[in-house]
Amino acid sequence: MTSSKLSAELTSIVKDKLELGPEERVNVRVLLEEDAILEKVAIELEGSGFKIKNVQEGPDVVITGTLAVQNINAINSISEVDKVEYDRSV
């Protein structure tokens, strides 16, 4: 669970929620690497159970949505994902 892609705040939230209910969904913000192919990453995210709510394109691509805490490691393993953070704004 301690990977450099997960923010410290998200790691703490996931740890707590895994004990209470692994199916509980958490709001996350996924930041992509500079050379990532958005369509490919979106398919991989959705395949891991990520429900995309918004995509912000620009110099930095940010995808927000929800994911069951038990599936956090699935998006953490997507190579084009740069960072995964807890999203307070959802």
Protein backbone atom coordinates (compact mmCIF):
# COMPACT_ATOMS: atom_id res chain seq x y z
CA MET A 1 0.00 0.00 0.00
CA THR A 2 2.93 2.36 0.51
CA SER A 3 3.72 3.37 -3.04
CA SER A 4 5.05 6.72 -4.11
CA LYS A 5 1.98 7.25 -6.34
CA LEU A 6 -0.42 7.40 -3.39
CA SER A 7 -0.50 10.57 -1.31
CA ALA A 8 0.00 10.15 2.43
CA GLU A 9 -3.54 11.39 3.08
CA LEU A 10 -5.08 8.87 0.67
CA THR A 11 -2.98 6.03 2.09
CA SER A 12 -4.28 6.82 5.57
CA ILE A 13 -7.90 7.02 4.40
CA VAL A 14 -7.63 3.74 2.47
CA LYS A 15 -6.08 1.96 5.46
CA ASP A 16 -8.93 3.07 7.73
CA LYS A 17 -11.68 2.25 5.23
CA LEU A 18 -10.24 -1.19 4.36
CA GLU A 19 -10.81 -2.22 7.96
CA LEU A 20 -14.41 -0.92 8.00
CA GLY A 21 -15.62 -1.85 4.52
CA PRO A 22 -13.44 -2.57 1.48
CA GLU A 23 -16.34 -1.90 -0.91
CA GLU A 24 -16.75 1.69 0.31
CA ARG A 25 -15.96 4.18 -2.42
CA VAL A 26 -13.52 7.02 -1.97
CA ASN A 27 -13.17 10.22 -4.02
CA VAL A 28 -9.82 10.35 -5.78
CA ARG A 29 -7.91 12.58 -8.14
CA VAL A 30 -5.55 10.87 -10.58
CA LEU A 31 -2.74 12.91 -12.11
CA LEU A 32 -1.26 11.50 -15.30
CA GLU A 33 2.32 11.57 -16.53
CA GLU A 34 3.14 14.13 -19.20
CA ASP A 35 3.25 11.65 -22.10
CA ALA A 36 0.21 9.58 -21.06
CA ILE A 37 -2.45 8.65 -23.62
CA LEU A 38 -5.70 9.76 -21.98
CA GLU A 39 -8.00 7.32 -23.80
CA LYS A 40 -5.81 4.33 -22.89
CA VAL A 41 -5.56 5.35 -19.24
CA ALA A 42 -9.32 6.02 -19.02
CA ILE A 43 -10.03 2.47 -20.23
CA GLU A 44 -7.58 1.02 -17.69
CA LEU A 45 -9.06 3.13 -14.88
CA GLU A 46 -12.62 2.09 -15.70
CA GLY A 47 -11.47 -1.53 -15.94
CA SER A 48 -10.25 -1.30 -12.34
CA GLY A 49 -13.67 -0.08 -11.17
CA PHE A 50 -12.89 3.64 -11.27
CA LYS A 51 -15.98 5.74 -12.04
CA ILE A 52 -14.80 8.83 -13.90
CA LYS A 53 -16.64 12.02 -13.00
CA ASN A 54 -14.47 14.64 -14.67
CA VAL A 55 -11.41 14.97 -16.90
CA GLN A 56 -9.41 18.18 -16.86
CA GLU A 57 -7.07 18.46 -19.81
CA GLY A 58 -4.28 20.96 -20.18
CA PRO A 59 -0.62 20.89 -19.48
CA ASP A 60 -1.50 18.56 -16.60
CA VAL A 61 -4.22 15.94 -17.08
CA VAL A 62 -6.31 15.31 -13.97
CA ILE A 63 -9.08 12.71 -13.76
CA THR A 64 -11.47 12.76 -10.81
CA GLY A 65 -13.90 10.09 -9.75
CA THR A 66 -14.62 7.38 -7.21
CA LEU A 67 -13.15 3.97 -6.56
CA ALA A 68 -13.71 1.21 -4.02
CA VAL A 69 -10.88 1.31 -1.51
CA GLN A 70 -10.08 -2.34 -2.20
CA ASN A 71 -9.21 -1.40 -5.81
CA ILE A 72 -6.74 1.40 -5.07
CA ASN A 73 -3.75 -0.82 -5.85
CA ALA A 74 -5.20 -1.53 -9.31
CA ILE A 75 -4.94 2.11 -10.39
CA ASN A 76 -1.68 2.49 -8.55
CA SER A 77 -0.18 -0.09 -10.90
CA ILE A 78 -1.14 1.77 -14.13
CA SER A 79 2.18 2.96 -15.50
CA GLU A 80 0.92 6.30 -16.91
CA VAL A 81 -0.50 7.34 -13.53
CA ASP A 82 1.85 9.81 -11.87
CA LYS A 83 0.03 10.41 -8.59
CA VAL A 84 -3.21 9.42 -6.83
CA GLU A 85 -4.66 11.78 -4.23
CA TYR A 86 -7.76 12.06 -2.08
CA ASP A 87 -10.21 14.46 -3.72
CA ARG A 88 -11.96 16.75 -1.26
CA SER A 89 -13.77 18.74 -3.94
CA VAL A 90 -16.10 15.96 -5.16
